[in-house]
Amino acid sequence: MKRRSARRHDAQRGMALFLALVVLLIITVLGVSGLQTTTLEERMAANSRDRDLAFQAAEAALLDAERFLNSAVVGNFNNANGRYLINAAERPIWHGNNQQAGQGVFVYSVNRPGGGAQAAPIPGVARQPEYFIEQYPVIAAAGGSLEAGVAAEGLAFFRVTARGFGGRENTQVILQIGYQR
């Protein structure tokens, strides 16, 4: 009888090894899957942060343009150097497949319109944001107004287009605002 029990014991040892290897394989697959998920989530978070940085840079450029448009002298819009008449062929085009550089833009913190003091560069971006200003034809209404108590004569309207960059240059956000002066 002792021989039979010894044989059963030897057979069970091989089965325990097999089960341990199967359990280790399952744990390894779960670990690799978890690692891939974590890596993907980190990439998504980094891309989201990069896009937010580009958005904030574009907003800073819009604010810079608004400060310029609030100044006493806006200057001449001659379809160059960041000042364009509305839909001029020379203006930059930043969307679609036919992107063009145009005849110049304002770069935040470098060449501010009106020769204002330089702003502090935005940290962490691949390039400082750029923008250009387009002027609509001036409205000369006879006696009418768009707002109660305000004459409509001589109203100037502008469109500002800004492009912000994230930590990588290919991360870009383009914003536009309309502005009345």
Protein backbone atom coordinates (compact mmCIF):
# COMPACT_ATOMS: atom_id res chain seq x y z
CA MET A 1 0.00 0.00 0.00
CA LYS A 2 2.79 2.37 0.56
CA ARG A 3 3.68 2.20 -3.08
CA ARG A 4 0.28 3.43 -4.25
CA SER A 5 0.27 6.50 -2.03
CA ALA A 6 3.75 7.45 -3.17
CA ARG A 7 2.65 7.31 -6.78
CA ARG A 8 -0.35 9.54 -6.17
CA HIS A 9 1.81 12.07 -4.39
CA ASP A 10 4.29 12.25 -7.30
CA ALA A 11 1.48 12.79 -9.84
CA GLN A 12 0.05 15.68 -7.84
CA ARG A 13 3.39 17.49 -7.67
CA GLY A 14 3.47 17.89 -11.46
CA MET A 15 -0.07 19.23 -11.50
CA ALA A 16 0.73 21.90 -8.88
CA LEU A 17 3.63 23.13 -11.00
CA PHE A 18 1.38 23.36 -14.04
CA LEU A 19 -1.28 25.33 -12.12
CA ALA A 20 1.36 27.70 -10.70
CA LEU A 21 2.66 28.41 -14.22
CA VAL A 22 -0.87 29.10 -15.50
CA VAL A 23 -1.54 31.51 -12.62
CA LEU A 24 1.79 33.28 -13.27
CA LEU A 25 0.92 33.60 -16.96
CA ILE A 26 -2.46 35.16 -16.12
CA ILE A 27 -0.85 37.62 -13.69
CA THR A 28 1.76 38.55 -16.32
CA VAL A 29 -0.93 39.21 -18.96
CA LEU A 30 -2.88 41.36 -16.49
CA GLY A 31 0.27 43.30 -15.56
CA VAL A 32 1.21 44.00 -19.19
CA SER A 33 -2.36 45.06 -19.97
CA GLY A 34 -2.37 47.42 -16.99
CA LEU A 35 0.97 48.89 -18.06
CA GLN A 36 -0.31 49.57 -21.59
CA THR A 37 -3.44 51.24 -20.21
CA THR A 38 -1.40 53.44 -17.87
CA THR A 39 0.96 54.45 -20.68
CA LEU A 40 -1.98 55.37 -22.92
CA GLU A 41 -3.58 57.44 -20.15
CA GLU A 42 -0.31 59.30 -19.55
CA ARG A 43 -0.05 60.14 -23.24
CA MET A 44 -3.64 61.39 -23.27
CA ALA A 45 -2.99 63.59 -20.24
CA ALA A 46 0.19 65.01 -21.81
CA ASN A 47 -1.64 65.79 -25.06
CA SER A 48 -4.45 67.46 -23.17
CA ARG A 49 -1.98 69.59 -21.21
CA ASP A 50 -0.17 70.51 -24.44
CA ARG A 51 -3.43 71.60 -26.07
CA ASP A 52 -4.39 73.64 -23.00
CA LEU A 53 -1.01 75.36 -23.12
CA ALA A 54 -1.54 76.24 -26.80
CA PHE A 55 -5.05 77.53 -26.01
CA GLN A 56 -3.75 79.76 -23.23
CA ALA A 57 -0.99 81.09 -25.49
CA ALA A 58 -3.54 81.97 -28.18
CA GLU A 59 -5.69 83.74 -25.58
CA ALA A 60 -2.66 85.76 -24.43
CA ALA A 61 -2.12 86.87 -28.04
CA LEU A 62 -5.78 87.92 -28.32
CA LEU A 63 -5.45 90.01 -25.16
CA ASP A 64 -2.31 91.62 -26.56
CA ALA A 65 -4.21 92.56 -29.72
CA GLU A 66 -7.11 93.96 -27.67
CA ARG A 67 -4.70 96.18 -25.72
CA PHE A 68 -3.35 97.49 -29.00
CA LEU A 69 -6.84 98.12 -30.42
CA ASN A 70 -7.75 100.02 -27.24
CA SER A 71 -4.83 102.39 -27.77
CA ALA A 72 -5.42 105.89 -29.09
CA VAL A 73 -3.70 105.38 -32.47
CA VAL A 74 -4.25 102.12 -34.31
CA GLY A 75 -2.36 103.11 -37.45
CA ASN A 76 -2.72 102.26 -41.11
CA PHE A 77 -3.91 98.85 -42.29
CA ASN A 78 -1.77 98.33 -45.39
CA ASN A 79 -2.06 94.53 -45.89
CA ALA A 80 1.36 93.87 -44.37
CA ASN A 81 3.10 93.42 -41.02
CA GLY A 82 0.10 91.99 -39.18
CA ARG A 83 -2.39 94.70 -40.26
CA TYR A 84 -4.74 93.74 -43.08
CA LEU A 85 -7.98 94.88 -44.63
CA ILE A 86 -10.64 92.21 -44.23
CA ASN A 87 -10.05 89.10 -46.36
CA ALA A 88 -7.00 90.55 -48.10
CA ALA A 89 -5.17 88.04 -50.27
CA GLU A 90 -1.89 88.87 -48.50
CA ARG A 91 -3.06 87.83 -45.03
CA PRO A 92 -1.88 84.59 -43.41
CA ILE A 93 -4.01 81.47 -43.80
CA TRP A 94 -3.57 79.02 -40.94
CA HIS A 95 -6.24 76.42 -41.63
CA GLY A 96 -6.86 73.76 -44.24
CA ASN A 97 -4.35 72.30 -46.64
CA ASN A 98 -3.28 75.58 -48.28
CA GLN A 99 -1.57 77.27 -45.35
CA GLN A 100 0.26 80.50 -46.17
CA ALA A 101 2.57 82.67 -44.12
CA GLY A 102 1.11 85.93 -45.43
CA GLN A 103 2.90 89.28 -45.34
CA GLY A 104 3.72 89.18 -41.66
CA VAL A 105 2.22 88.73 -38.22
CA PHE A 106 2.72 90.09 -34.75
CA VAL A 107 4.61 87.74 -32.44
CA TYR A 108 3.67 87.94 -28.79
CA SER A 109 6.42 89.48 -26.64
CA VAL A 110 8.63 90.25 -29.65
CA ASN A 111 7.16 92.77 -32.11
CA ARG A 112 4.13 94.27 -30.44
CA PRO A 113 1.94 96.51 -32.59
CA GLY A 114 2.31 100.19 -31.91
CA GLY A 115 5.84 99.67 -30.55
CA GLY A 116 4.64 98.88 -27.04
CA ALA A 117 6.85 97.44 -24.32
CA GLN A 118 7.70 93.78 -24.69
CA ALA A 119 5.62 91.32 -22.72
CA ALA A 120 7.27 88.50 -20.83
CA PRO A 121 7.60 85.42 -23.06
CA ILE A 122 5.21 82.59 -22.32
CA PRO A 123 7.22 79.75 -20.74
CA GLY A 124 6.94 76.17 -21.89
CA VAL A 125 5.73 76.78 -25.45
CA ALA A 126 7.61 75.69 -28.57
CA ARG A 127 7.03 79.12 -30.19
CA GLN A 128 5.51 82.34 -28.94
CA PRO A 129 1.94 82.91 -30.20
CA GLU A 130 1.31 84.89 -33.37
CA TYR A 131 -1.61 87.03 -34.45
CA PHE A 132 -2.82 89.40 -37.12
CA ILE A 133 -5.57 92.00 -37.21
CA GLU A 134 -8.04 92.57 -40.04
CA GLN A 135 -10.05 95.77 -40.36
CA TYR A 136 -13.58 95.84 -41.73
CA PRO A 137 -14.69 98.92 -43.68
CA VAL A 138 -15.65 101.74 -41.31
CA ILE A 139 -19.40 102.15 -40.91
CA ALA A 140 -20.63 105.66 -41.61
CA ALA A 141 -24.34 105.64 -40.71
CA ALA A 142 -26.52 108.71 -41.05
CA GLY A 143 -28.11 109.35 -37.66
CA GLY A 144 -28.69 105.69 -36.71
CA SER A 145 -27.08 103.82 -33.87
CA LEU A 146 -26.42 100.26 -32.88
CA GLU A 147 -26.58 100.98 -29.17
CA ALA A 148 -28.83 103.35 -27.24
CA GLY A 149 -27.14 106.72 -26.78
CA VAL A 150 -24.18 105.93 -29.06
CA ALA A 151 -23.86 107.33 -32.56
CA ALA A 152 -22.99 104.74 -35.19
CA GLU A 153 -20.88 107.10 -37.26
CA GLY A 154 -17.25 106.13 -37.49
CA LEU A 155 -17.49 102.71 -35.84
CA ALA A 156 -14.52 100.51 -36.65
CA PHE A 157 -14.73 96.72 -36.55
CA PHE A 158 -11.78 94.36 -36.45
CA ARG A 159 -11.20 90.62 -36.55
CA VAL A 160 -8.20 89.26 -34.68
CA THR A 161 -6.85 85.80 -35.48
CA ALA A 162 -4.35 84.27 -33.08
CA ARG A 163 -2.38 81.04 -33.23
CA GLY A 164 -0.94 79.55 -30.05
CA PHE A 165 1.59 76.74 -29.80
CA GLY A 166 1.93 74.10 -27.12
CA GLY A 167 5.04 72.41 -25.84
CA ARG A 168 5.42 70.86 -29.30
CA GLU A 169 5.26 73.03 -32.41
CA ASN A 170 2.70 70.81 -34.11
CA THR A 171 0.23 71.40 -31.27
CA GLN A 172 -1.63 74.51 -32.38
CA VAL A 173 -4.83 76.30 -31.41
CA ILE A 174 -6.32 79.05 -33.57
CA LEU A 175 -8.76 81.53 -32.04
CA GLN A 176 -10.61 84.49 -33.54
CA ILE A 177 -12.47 87.37 -32.00
CA GLY A 178 -14.44 90.29 -33.35
CA TYR A 179 -13.69 93.68 -31.87
CA GLN A 180 -15.55 96.99 -32.10
CA ARG A 181 -13.88 100.29 -31.46
